[in-house]
C-alpha atoms as a PDB file:
ATOM      1  CA  MET A   1      74.150   0.389 -35.606  1.00  0.00           C
ATOM      2  CA  GLU A   2      71.326   0.846 -32.561  1.00  0.00           C
ATOM      3  CA  ILE A   3      72.523  -0.018 -29.467  1.00  0.00           C
ATOM      4  CA  MET A   4      70.480  -2.401 -27.312  1.00  0.00           C
ATOM      5  CA  LYS A   5      68.606  -0.521 -24.578  1.00  0.00           C
ATOM      6  CA  ASN A   6      69.004  -1.886 -20.589  1.00  0.00           C
ATOM      7  CA  ILE A   7      65.767  -2.205 -18.983  1.00  0.00           C
ATOM      8  CA  LEU A   8      65.231  -2.927 -15.144  1.00  0.00           C
ATOM      9  CA  ILE A   9      62.300  -4.347 -14.021  1.00  0.00           C
ATOM     10  CA  THR A  10      61.951  -3.999 -10.280  1.00  0.00           C
ATOM     11  CA  GLY A  11      59.104  -6.064  -8.502  1.00  0.00           C
ATOM     12  CA  ALA A  12      59.654  -9.051 -11.133  1.00  0.00           C
ATOM     13  CA  ASN A  13      58.214 -11.969  -9.181  1.00  0.00           C
ATOM     14  CA  GLY A  14      54.918 -10.003  -8.415  1.00  0.00           C
ATOM     15  CA  GLN A  15      51.838 -10.176 -11.005  1.00  0.00           C
ATOM     16  CA  LEU A  16      53.071  -7.201 -13.458  1.00  0.00           C
ATOM     17  CA  GLY A  17      56.852  -8.106 -13.422  1.00  0.00           C
ATOM     18  CA  ASN A  18      55.724 -11.888 -14.437  1.00  0.00           C
ATOM     19  CA  GLU A  19      53.444 -10.636 -17.155  1.00  0.00           C
ATOM     20  CA  MET A  20      56.334  -8.096 -18.283  1.00  0.00           C
ATOM     21  CA  ARG A  21      58.575 -11.501 -18.390  1.00  0.00           C
ATOM     22  CA  LEU A  22      56.344 -13.208 -20.394  1.00  0.00           C
ATOM     23  CA  LEU A  23      56.137 -10.478 -23.037  1.00  0.00           C
ATOM     24  CA  SER A  24      59.867  -9.895 -23.020  1.00  0.00           C
ATOM     25  CA  ASN A  25      59.965 -12.182 -25.778  1.00  0.00           C
ATOM     26  CA  GLU A  26      57.909 -10.094 -28.106  1.00  0.00           C
ATOM     27  CA  PHE A  27      59.826  -6.808 -27.400  1.00  0.00           C
ATOM     28  CA  GLY A  28      63.331  -8.398 -28.040  1.00  0.00           C
ATOM     29  CA  SER A  29      65.132  -5.509 -29.029  1.00  0.00           C
ATOM     30  CA  TYR A  30      65.715  -4.699 -25.263  1.00  0.00           C
ATOM     31  CA  HIS A  31      68.417  -6.627 -22.641  1.00  0.00           C
ATOM     32  CA  TYR A  32      66.622  -7.091 -19.128  1.00  0.00           C
ATOM     33  CA  PHE A  33      67.091  -7.446 -15.694  1.00  0.00           C
ATOM     34  CA  PHE A  34      64.769  -8.547 -13.941  1.00  0.00           C
ATOM     35  CA  THR A  35      65.100  -8.198 -10.243  1.00  0.00           C
ATOM     36  CA  ASP A  36      62.581  -8.659  -6.996  1.00  0.00           C
ATOM     37  CA  VAL A  37      64.228  -7.562  -3.419  1.00  0.00           C
ATOM     38  CA  GLN A  38      66.488 -10.871  -3.553  1.00  0.00           C
ATOM     39  CA  GLU A  39      68.505  -9.565  -5.989  1.00  0.00           C
ATOM     40  CA  LEU A  40      68.054  -5.454  -5.658  1.00  0.00           C
ATOM     41  CA  ASP A  41      66.810  -4.001  -2.291  1.00  0.00           C
ATOM     42  CA  ILE A  42      64.741  -0.623  -3.758  1.00  0.00           C
ATOM     43  CA  THR A  43      65.351   0.853  -0.389  1.00  0.00           C
ATOM     44  CA  ASP A  44      68.626   0.491  -0.600  1.00  0.00           C
ATOM     45  CA  ARG A  45      69.789   3.964  -2.434  1.00  0.00           C
ATOM     46  CA  MET A  46      73.621   3.517  -3.007  1.00  0.00           C
ATOM     47  CA  ALA A  47      73.111  -0.121  -3.952  1.00  0.00           C
ATOM     48  CA  LEU A  48      70.273   0.979  -6.692  1.00  0.00           C
ATOM     49  CA  ILE A  49      72.698   3.829  -8.041  1.00  0.00           C
ATOM     50  CA  ASP A  50      75.360   1.342  -8.215  1.00  0.00           C
ATOM     51  CA  PHE A  51      73.363  -1.430 -10.009  1.00  0.00           C
ATOM     52  CA  VAL A  52      71.717   1.362 -12.247  1.00  0.00           C
ATOM     53  CA  LYS A  53      75.313   2.600 -13.322  1.00  0.00           C
ATOM     54  CA  GLN A  54      77.119  -0.534 -13.318  1.00  0.00           C
ATOM     55  CA  LYS A  55      74.182  -2.110 -15.802  1.00  0.00           C
ATOM     56  CA  ASP A  56      74.163   0.859 -17.897  1.00  0.00           C
ATOM     57  CA  ILE A  57      70.409   0.753 -17.370  1.00  0.00           C
ATOM     58  CA  HIS A  58      68.696   3.177 -20.000  1.00  0.00           C
ATOM     59  CA  CYS A  59      65.064   2.526 -18.465  1.00  0.00           C
ATOM     60  CA  ILE A  60      63.672   1.203 -15.236  1.00  0.00           C
ATOM     61  CA  VAL A  61      59.839  -0.102 -14.658  1.00  0.00           C
ATOM     62  CA  ASN A  62      58.978   0.170 -10.960  1.00  0.00           C
ATOM     63  CA  CYS A  63      56.352  -3.042 -10.465  1.00  0.00           C
ATOM     64  CA  ALA A  64      57.346  -3.062  -7.198  1.00  0.00           C
ATOM     65  CA  ALA A  65      55.119  -1.995  -4.260  1.00  0.00           C
ATOM     66  CA  TYR A  66      53.553  -2.713  -0.660  1.00  0.00           C
ATOM     67  CA  THR A  67      50.045  -3.457  -1.894  1.00  0.00           C
ATOM     68  CA  ALA A  68      48.553  -5.534   1.075  1.00  0.00           C
ATOM     69  CA  VAL A  69      45.637  -2.276   1.575  1.00  0.00           C
ATOM     70  CA  ASP A  70      44.621  -3.278   4.987  1.00  0.00           C
ATOM     71  CA  LYS A  71      47.967  -4.565   6.568  1.00  0.00           C
ATOM     72  CA  ALA A  72      49.302  -0.817   5.415  1.00  0.00           C
ATOM     73  CA  GLU A  73      47.261   0.828   7.508  1.00  0.00           C
ATOM     74  CA  GLU A  74      49.141  -0.992  10.600  1.00  0.00           C
ATOM     75  CA  ASN A  75      52.714  -0.990   8.731  1.00  0.00           C
ATOM     76  CA  ALA A  76      52.597   2.709   7.769  1.00  0.00           C
ATOM     77  CA  GLU A  77      56.601   2.544   7.850  1.00  0.00           C
ATOM     78  CA  LEU A  78      57.159  -0.185   5.741  1.00  0.00           C
ATOM     79  CA  CYS A  79      54.275   0.894   3.424  1.00  0.00           C
ATOM     80  CA  ASP A  80      56.395   4.644   3.263  1.00  0.00           C
ATOM     81  CA  ARG A  81      59.497   3.284   2.767  1.00  0.00           C
ATOM     82  CA  LEU A  82      58.624   1.124  -0.499  1.00  0.00           C
ATOM     83  CA  ASN A  83      55.644   3.081  -2.133  1.00  0.00           C
ATOM     84  CA  HIS A  84      57.251   6.864  -1.705  1.00  0.00           C
ATOM     85  CA  LEU A  85      61.042   6.789  -0.561  1.00  0.00           C
ATOM     86  CA  ALA A  86      62.067   3.704  -2.772  1.00  0.00           C
ATOM     87  CA  PRO A  87      60.468   5.407  -5.922  1.00  0.00           C
ATOM     88  CA  GLY A  88      62.347   8.357  -5.201  1.00  0.00           C
ATOM     89  CA  TYR A  89      65.768   6.668  -4.765  1.00  0.00           C
ATOM     90  CA  LEU A  90      64.852   4.874  -8.006  1.00  0.00           C
ATOM     91  CA  ALA A  91      63.980   8.226  -9.975  1.00  0.00           C
ATOM     92  CA  GLU A  92      67.368   9.552  -8.559  1.00  0.00           C
ATOM     93  CA  ALA A  93      69.197   6.373  -9.905  1.00  0.00           C
ATOM     94  CA  ALA A  94      67.548   6.977 -13.322  1.00  0.00           C
ATOM     95  CA  GLU A  95      68.325  10.569 -13.755  1.00  0.00           C
ATOM     96  CA  ARG A  96      71.893  10.076 -12.945  1.00  0.00           C
ATOM     97  CA  ASN A  97      71.997   7.787 -15.671  1.00  0.00           C
ATOM     98  CA  HIS A  98      69.955   9.901 -18.338  1.00  0.00           C
ATOM     99  CA  ALA A  99      67.230   7.092 -17.691  1.00  0.00           C
ATOM    100  CA  MET A 100      63.651   6.632 -18.279  1.00  0.00           C
ATOM    101  CA  LEU A 101      61.558   5.921 -15.326  1.00  0.00           C
ATOM    102  CA  VAL A 102      57.770   3.814 -15.479  1.00  0.00           C
ATOM    103  CA  GLN A 103      56.371   4.156 -12.406  1.00  0.00           C
ATOM    104  CA  ILE A 104      53.374   1.919 -11.469  1.00  0.00           C
ATOM    105  CA  SER A 105      50.307   4.047  -9.558  1.00  0.00           C
ATOM    106  CA  THR A 106      46.928   3.292  -8.278  1.00  0.00           C
ATOM    107  CA  ASP A 107      43.670   4.588  -8.223  1.00  0.00           C
ATOM    108  CA  TYR A 108      43.754   4.929  -4.588  1.00  0.00           C
ATOM    109  CA  VAL A 109      45.319   8.337  -5.081  1.00  0.00           C
ATOM    110  CA  PHE A 110      41.820   9.517  -5.282  1.00  0.00           C
ATOM    111  CA  ASP A 111      39.048   8.909  -2.681  1.00  0.00           C
ATOM    112  CA  GLY A 112      36.269   7.782  -4.656  1.00  0.00           C
ATOM    113  CA  THR A 113      33.586  10.069  -4.325  1.00  0.00           C
ATOM    114  CA  HIS A 114      33.235  10.820  -7.896  1.00  0.00           C
ATOM    115  CA  TYR A 115      30.377  10.034 -10.300  1.00  0.00           C
ATOM    116  CA  ILE A 116      32.507  10.404 -13.839  1.00  0.00           C
ATOM    117  CA  PRO A 117      35.704   8.533 -15.065  1.00  0.00           C
ATOM    118  CA  TYR A 118      38.605  10.066 -13.087  1.00  0.00           C
ATOM    119  CA  LYS A 119      40.939  11.989 -15.606  1.00  0.00           C
ATOM    120  CA  GLU A 120      44.756  12.533 -14.814  1.00  0.00           C
ATOM    121  CA  GLU A 121      44.375  16.371 -14.196  1.00  0.00           C
ATOM    122  CA  ASP A 122      41.286  15.706 -11.135  1.00  0.00           C
ATOM    123  CA  PRO A 123      43.070  16.969  -7.785  1.00  0.00           C
ATOM    124  CA  THR A 124      44.191  13.655  -5.776  1.00  0.00           C
ATOM    125  CA  CYS A 125      42.832  12.898  -2.360  1.00  0.00           C
ATOM    126  CA  PRO A 126      43.594   9.777  -1.096  1.00  0.00           C
ATOM    127  CA  ASN A 127      41.670   8.355   1.953  1.00  0.00           C
ATOM    128  CA  SER A 128      43.893   5.538   3.044  1.00  0.00           C
ATOM    129  CA  ILE A 129      47.817   4.920   3.793  1.00  0.00           C
ATOM    130  CA  TYR A 130      48.391   2.751   1.064  1.00  0.00           C
ATOM    131  CA  GLY A 131      46.885   5.568  -1.377  1.00  0.00           C
ATOM    132  CA  LYS A 132      48.702   8.552   0.409  1.00  0.00           C
ATOM    133  CA  THR A 133      52.188   6.537   0.233  1.00  0.00           C
ATOM    134  CA  LYS A 134      51.539   5.916  -3.475  1.00  0.00           C
ATOM    135  CA  LEU A 135      50.540   9.489  -3.999  1.00  0.00           C
ATOM    136  CA  ALA A 136      53.762  10.457  -2.396  1.00  0.00           C
ATOM    137  CA  GLY A 137      55.690   8.023  -4.606  1.00  0.00           C
ATOM    138  CA  GLU A 138      54.238   9.959  -7.412  1.00  0.00           C
ATOM    139  CA  LYS A 139      55.177  12.999  -6.100  1.00  0.00           C
ATOM    140  CA  ALA A 140      58.535  11.751  -5.391  1.00  0.00           C
ATOM    141  CA  VAL A 141      59.518  10.110  -9.059  1.00  0.00           C
ATOM    142  CA  LEU A 142      58.100  13.838 -10.735  1.00  0.00           C
ATOM    143  CA  GLU A 143      60.578  15.429  -8.646  1.00  0.00           C
ATOM    144  CA  ASN A 144      63.584  13.571  -9.113  1.00  0.00           C
ATOM    145  CA  CYS A 145      63.481  12.091 -12.575  1.00  0.00           C
ATOM    146  CA  SER A 146      62.982  14.386 -15.498  1.00  0.00           C
ATOM    147  CA  ARG A 147      62.111  11.434 -17.874  1.00  0.00           C
ATOM    148  CA  THR A 148      59.366   9.904 -15.725  1.00  0.00           C
ATOM    149  CA  VAL A 149      55.994   8.452 -16.843  1.00  0.00           C
ATOM    150  CA  ILE A 150      53.452   7.212 -14.146  1.00  0.00           C
ATOM    151  CA  ILE A 151      50.430   5.224 -15.094  1.00  0.00           C
ATOM    152  CA  ARG A 152      48.313   4.779 -12.781  1.00  0.00           C
ATOM    153  CA  THR A 153      45.941   1.221 -12.825  1.00  0.00           C
ATOM    154  CA  ALA A 154      43.064  -0.374 -10.605  1.00  0.00           C
ATOM    155  CA  TRP A 155      41.738  -3.854 -10.185  1.00  0.00           C
ATOM    156  CA  LEU A 156      44.502  -5.242 -11.033  1.00  0.00           C
ATOM    157  CA  TYR A 157      44.630  -9.432 -11.413  1.00  0.00           C
ATOM    158  CA  SER A 158      47.008 -11.895 -13.406  1.00  0.00           C
ATOM    159  CA  THR A 159      47.574 -15.719 -13.829  1.00  0.00           C
ATOM    160  CA  PHE A 160      50.039 -15.246 -11.643  1.00  0.00           C
ATOM    161  CA  GLY A 161      50.340 -14.340  -7.831  1.00  0.00           C
ATOM    162  CA  ASN A 162      47.497 -14.114  -5.811  1.00  0.00           C
ATOM    163  CA  ASN A 163      44.566 -11.755  -6.878  1.00  0.00           C
ATOM    164  CA  PHE A 164      40.786 -11.400  -6.714  1.00  0.00           C
ATOM    165  CA  VAL A 165      39.910 -13.674  -9.818  1.00  0.00           C
ATOM    166  CA  LYS A 166      42.058 -16.676  -8.195  1.00  0.00           C
ATOM    167  CA  THR A 167      40.416 -15.621  -4.958  1.00  0.00           C
ATOM    168  CA  MET A 168      36.811 -16.119  -6.182  1.00  0.00           C
ATOM    169  CA  MET A 169      37.449 -18.822  -8.328  1.00  0.00           C
ATOM    170  CA  ARG A 170      38.974 -20.749  -5.268  1.00  0.00           C
ATOM    171  CA  LEU A 171      35.999 -19.915  -2.859  1.00  0.00           C
ATOM    172  CA  GLY A 172      33.513 -20.880  -5.825  1.00  0.00           C
ATOM    173  CA  LYS A 173      34.604 -24.072  -5.437  1.00  0.00           C
ATOM    174  CA  GLU A 174      34.868 -24.480  -1.544  1.00  0.00           C
ATOM    175  CA  LYS A 175      31.324 -22.245  -0.532  1.00  0.00           C
ATOM    176  CA  SER A 176      28.195 -22.900  -1.230  1.00  0.00           C
ATOM    177  CA  GLN A 177      27.549 -18.974  -0.560  1.00  0.00           C
ATOM    178  CA  LEU A 178      29.491 -15.910  -0.818  1.00  0.00           C
ATOM    179  CA  GLY A 179      28.800 -12.515   0.054  1.00  0.00           C
ATOM    180  CA  VAL A 180      30.547  -9.671  -2.340  1.00  0.00           C
ATOM    181  CA  ILE A 181      30.518  -6.010  -2.384  1.00  0.00           C
ATOM    182  CA  PHE A 182      28.347  -4.593  -5.006  1.00  0.00           C
ATOM    183  CA  ASP A 183      28.135  -0.425  -4.366  1.00  0.00           C
ATOM    184  CA  GLN A 184      32.109  -0.313  -5.188  1.00  0.00           C
ATOM    185  CA  ILE A 185      32.539   0.551  -8.819  1.00  0.00           C
ATOM    186  CA  GLY A 186      35.534   0.361 -10.880  1.00  0.00           C
ATOM    187  CA  THR A 187      37.264  -1.328 -13.659  1.00  0.00           C
ATOM    188  CA  PRO A 188      39.182  -4.899 -13.733  1.00  0.00           C
ATOM    189  CA  THR A 189      42.855  -4.717 -15.172  1.00  0.00           C
ATOM    190  CA  TYR A 190      44.412  -7.831 -16.759  1.00  0.00           C
ATOM    191  CA  ALA A 191      47.860  -7.534 -15.811  1.00  0.00           C
ATOM    192  CA  ARG A 192      49.245  -8.440 -19.359  1.00  0.00           C
ATOM    193  CA  ASP A 193      46.965  -5.853 -21.044  1.00  0.00           C
ATOM    194  CA  LEU A 194      49.025  -3.284 -18.646  1.00  0.00           C
ATOM    195  CA  ALA A 195      52.079  -4.930 -19.284  1.00  0.00           C
ATOM    196  CA  ARG A 196      51.860  -4.208 -22.994  1.00  0.00           C
ATOM    197  CA  ALA A 197      50.713  -0.659 -22.409  1.00  0.00           C
ATOM    198  CA  VAL A 198      54.224  -0.271 -20.248  1.00  0.00           C
ATOM    199  CA  PHE A 199      55.977  -1.526 -23.594  1.00  0.00           C
ATOM    200  CA  ALA A 200      54.064   0.976 -25.312  1.00  0.00           C
ATOM    201  CA  ALA A 201      55.033   4.089 -23.021  1.00  0.00           C
ATOM    202  CA  ILE A 202      58.433   2.473 -23.071  1.00  0.00           C
ATOM    203  CA  GLY A 203      58.834   2.594 -27.133  1.00  0.00           C
ATOM    204  CA  LYS A 204      57.234   6.263 -27.190  1.00  0.00           C
ATOM    205  CA  GLU A 205      59.318   7.356 -24.526  1.00  0.00           C
ATOM    206  CA  ALA A 206      56.105   8.775 -22.787  1.00  0.00           C
ATOM    207  CA  ARG A 207      56.025  11.625 -20.129  1.00  0.00           C
ATOM    208  CA  GLY A 208      53.437  12.252 -17.291  1.00  0.00           C
ATOM    209  CA  ILE A 209      50.781  10.410 -15.831  1.00  0.00           C
ATOM    210  CA  TYR A 210      48.631   8.531 -17.823  1.00  0.00           C
ATOM    211  CA  HIS A 211      45.294   5.996 -16.751  1.00  0.00           C
ATOM    212  CA  PHE A 212      45.329   2.646 -17.713  1.00  0.00           C
ATOM    213  CA  SER A 213      42.820  -0.051 -17.040  1.00  0.00           C
ATOM    214  CA  ASN A 214      40.601  -2.353 -19.001  1.00  0.00           C
ATOM    215  CA  GLU A 215      37.387  -0.811 -20.926  1.00  0.00           C
ATOM    216  CA  GLY A 216      34.044  -0.953 -19.257  1.00  0.00           C
ATOM    217  CA  VAL A 217      32.686  -0.511 -15.639  1.00  0.00           C
ATOM    218  CA  ILE A 218      31.636  -2.986 -13.005  1.00  0.00           C
ATOM    219  CA  SER A 219      30.755  -3.938  -9.421  1.00  0.00           C
ATOM    220  CA  TRP A 220      32.955  -6.370  -7.718  1.00  0.00           C
ATOM    221  CA  TYR A 221      29.503  -8.169  -6.895  1.00  0.00           C
ATOM    222  CA  ASP A 222      29.162  -8.240 -10.992  1.00  0.00           C
ATOM    223  CA  PHE A 223      33.052  -9.447 -11.620  1.00  0.00           C
ATOM    224  CA  THR A 224      32.584 -12.187  -9.456  1.00  0.00           C
ATOM    225  CA  LYS A 225      29.341 -13.423 -11.151  1.00  0.00           C
ATOM    226  CA  ALA A 226      31.294 -13.029 -14.592  1.00  0.00           C
ATOM    227  CA  ILE A 227      34.114 -14.861 -13.044  1.00  0.00           C
ATOM    228  CA  HIS A 228      32.204 -17.803 -12.011  1.00  0.00           C
ATOM    229  CA  ARG A 229      30.265 -17.909 -15.187  1.00  0.00           C
ATOM    230  CA  LEU A 230      33.213 -18.144 -17.360  1.00  0.00           C
ATOM    231  CA  ALA A 231      34.896 -20.540 -15.130  1.00  0.00           C
ATOM    232  CA  ASP A 232      31.559 -22.740 -15.144  1.00  0.00           C
ATOM    233  CA  ILE A 233      31.159 -22.423 -11.618  1.00  0.00           C
ATOM    234  CA  ASN A 234      27.604 -22.877 -10.514  1.00  0.00           C
ATOM    235  CA  THR A 235      27.389 -24.154  -7.019  1.00  0.00           C
ATOM    236  CA  CYS A 236      28.146 -21.217  -5.575  1.00  0.00           C
ATOM    237  CA  LYS A 237      25.494 -18.297  -4.600  1.00  0.00           C
ATOM    238  CA  VAL A 238      27.115 -14.857  -5.006  1.00  0.00           C
ATOM    239  CA  VAL A 239      24.987 -12.614  -2.496  1.00  0.00           C
ATOM    240  CA  PRO A 240      25.544  -8.781  -2.926  1.00  0.00           C
ATOM    241  CA  LEU A 241      26.959  -6.929   0.037  1.00  0.00           C
ATOM    242  CA  HIS A 242      27.249  -3.243   0.910  1.00  0.00           C
ATOM    243  CA  THR A 243      30.287  -1.757   2.099  1.00  0.00           C
ATOM    244  CA  ASP A 244      29.270  -1.006   5.375  1.00  0.00           C
ATOM    245  CA  GLU A 245      28.399  -5.120   6.019  1.00  0.00           C
ATOM    246  CA  TYR A 246      32.221  -5.861   5.153  1.00  0.00           C
ATOM    247  CA  PRO A 247      34.286  -3.601   7.315  1.00  0.00           C
ATOM    248  CA  THR A 248      37.942  -3.230   6.755  1.00  0.00           C
ATOM    249  CA  LEU A 249      40.748  -1.252   8.133  1.00  0.00           C
ATOM    250  CA  ALA A 250      40.968   0.601   4.948  1.00  0.00           C
ATOM    251  CA  ALA A 251      38.733   3.086   3.057  1.00  0.00           C
ATOM    252  CA  ARG A 252      38.245   1.635  -0.428  1.00  0.00           C
ATOM    253  CA  PRO A 253      37.023   4.459  -3.284  1.00  0.00           C
ATOM    254  CA  HIS A 254      33.492   3.791  -3.970  1.00  0.00           C
ATOM    255  CA  TYR A 255      33.851   4.826  -7.528  1.00  0.00           C
ATOM    256  CA  SER A 256      37.260   4.380  -9.316  1.00  0.00           C
ATOM    257  CA  VAL A 257      36.616   4.311 -12.846  1.00  0.00           C
ATOM    258  CA  LEU A 258      39.799   5.729 -14.702  1.00  0.00           C
ATOM    259  CA  ASP A 259      39.416   7.748 -18.113  1.00  0.00           C
ATOM    260  CA  LYS A 260      41.774   6.104 -20.694  1.00  0.00           C
ATOM    261  CA  THR A 261      41.609   8.793 -23.277  1.00  0.00           C
ATOM    262  CA  LYS A 262      44.826  10.293 -22.965  1.00  0.00           C
ATOM    263  CA  ILE A 263      46.394   7.160 -23.161  1.00  0.00           C
ATOM    264  CA  LYS A 264      44.645   5.640 -26.214  1.00  0.00           C
ATOM    265  CA  LYS A 265      45.451   8.854 -28.280  1.00  0.00           C
ATOM    266  CA  ASP A 266      49.290   9.413 -27.002  1.00  0.00           C
ATOM    267  CA  LEU A 267      50.401   5.707 -27.236  1.00  0.00           C
ATOM    268  CA  ASN A 268      47.929   4.821 -30.206  1.00  0.00           C
ATOM    269  CA  ILE A 269      46.961   1.612 -28.389  1.00  0.00           C
ATOM    270  CA  GLU A 270      43.513  -0.390 -28.443  1.00  0.00           C
ATOM    271  CA  ILE A 271      42.704  -1.401 -24.907  1.00  0.00           C
ATOM    272  CA  PRO A 272      40.345  -4.760 -24.634  1.00  0.00           C
ATOM    273  CA  TYR A 273      37.295  -4.837 -22.796  1.00  0.00           C
ATOM    274  CA  TRP A 274      37.362  -6.193 -19.306  1.00  0.00           C
ATOM    275  CA  GLU A 275      35.295  -9.735 -19.962  1.00  0.00           C
ATOM    276  CA  ASP A 276      37.462 -10.442 -23.046  1.00  0.00           C
ATOM    277  CA  SER A 277      40.695  -9.999 -21.064  1.00  0.00           C
ATOM    278  CA  LEU A 278      38.735 -12.262 -18.144  1.00  0.00           C
ATOM    279  CA  LYS A 279      37.949 -14.959 -20.497  1.00  0.00           C
ATOM    280  CA  ASP A 280      41.596 -15.079 -21.558  1.00  0.00           C
ATOM    281  CA  CYS A 281      43.006 -14.916 -18.061  1.00  0.00           C
ATOM    282  CA  ILE A 282      40.655 -17.982 -16.896  1.00  0.00           C
ATOM    283  CA  THR A 283      41.214 -19.970 -19.935  1.00  0.00           C
ATOM    284  CA  GLU A 284      44.672 -19.712 -19.352  1.00  0.00           C
ATOM    285  CA  LEU A 285      44.385 -20.687 -15.553  1.00  0.00           C
ATOM    286  CA  GLN A 286      42.000 -23.596 -16.288  1.00  0.00           C
ATOM    287  CA  LYS A 287      44.631 -25.144 -18.984  1.00  0.00           C
ATOM    288  CA  ASN A 288      47.523 -24.647 -16.041  1.00  0.00           C
ATOM    289  CA  GLN A 289      45.670 -26.333 -13.481  1.00  0.00           C
END
């Protein structure tokens, strides 16, 4: 008789954590521990080591992170604690228990000056505190856990939490005109699709670094136009802006398209087109309103 694997999911109240909780019924061969900071402080090394040992955790999925990109520029220490030191502690706890670790990372480990999709082995060059701490977190987990898989993603949105899709739907209803950046290019990622990829990685006991986003390429401006079209919002004029017309504390990658060839091949998964997933998300948001 096969022993049921115990999976710890940190940051369970975030976008990806909530999507994994939602899909957990589909992957019922595991026993889950969904935690957020109230149940388990991932910056407390000894508490982590004790928890993983006592619950006999076989796999950790770290969905917790400091993701306020601009605030990170002024809160570098806290950002480093959550994005760099804590993943290292999780990796150590996993290694001690012979467990697997899935670490979620970001396109911000690149500077965005590329013009072809980024592959996993491309040189990293973060140009923000957020990107630097996430890259340091990648190195920490690879150094401390022999059974680590890192999944870099981008432009995450969901029916849960605060995100670009929800904000643009709200502003589209409130405002007659909206300026959105058109010269930053990437691919939106529906957190539910990412959650399925995480489960695939666990099932295959994947190792190393992978890239995951939905299929296709788009700008923030075009993404907003699609959100409004699919949500049937037609009273708001969306105006294209240059990046320098909308200054932010943290530098954003101008080009952050991720090459997903490796994850599709190794995990044998099909990735939905960004607009199909966006349509699913908006349909669900409107249904729940």
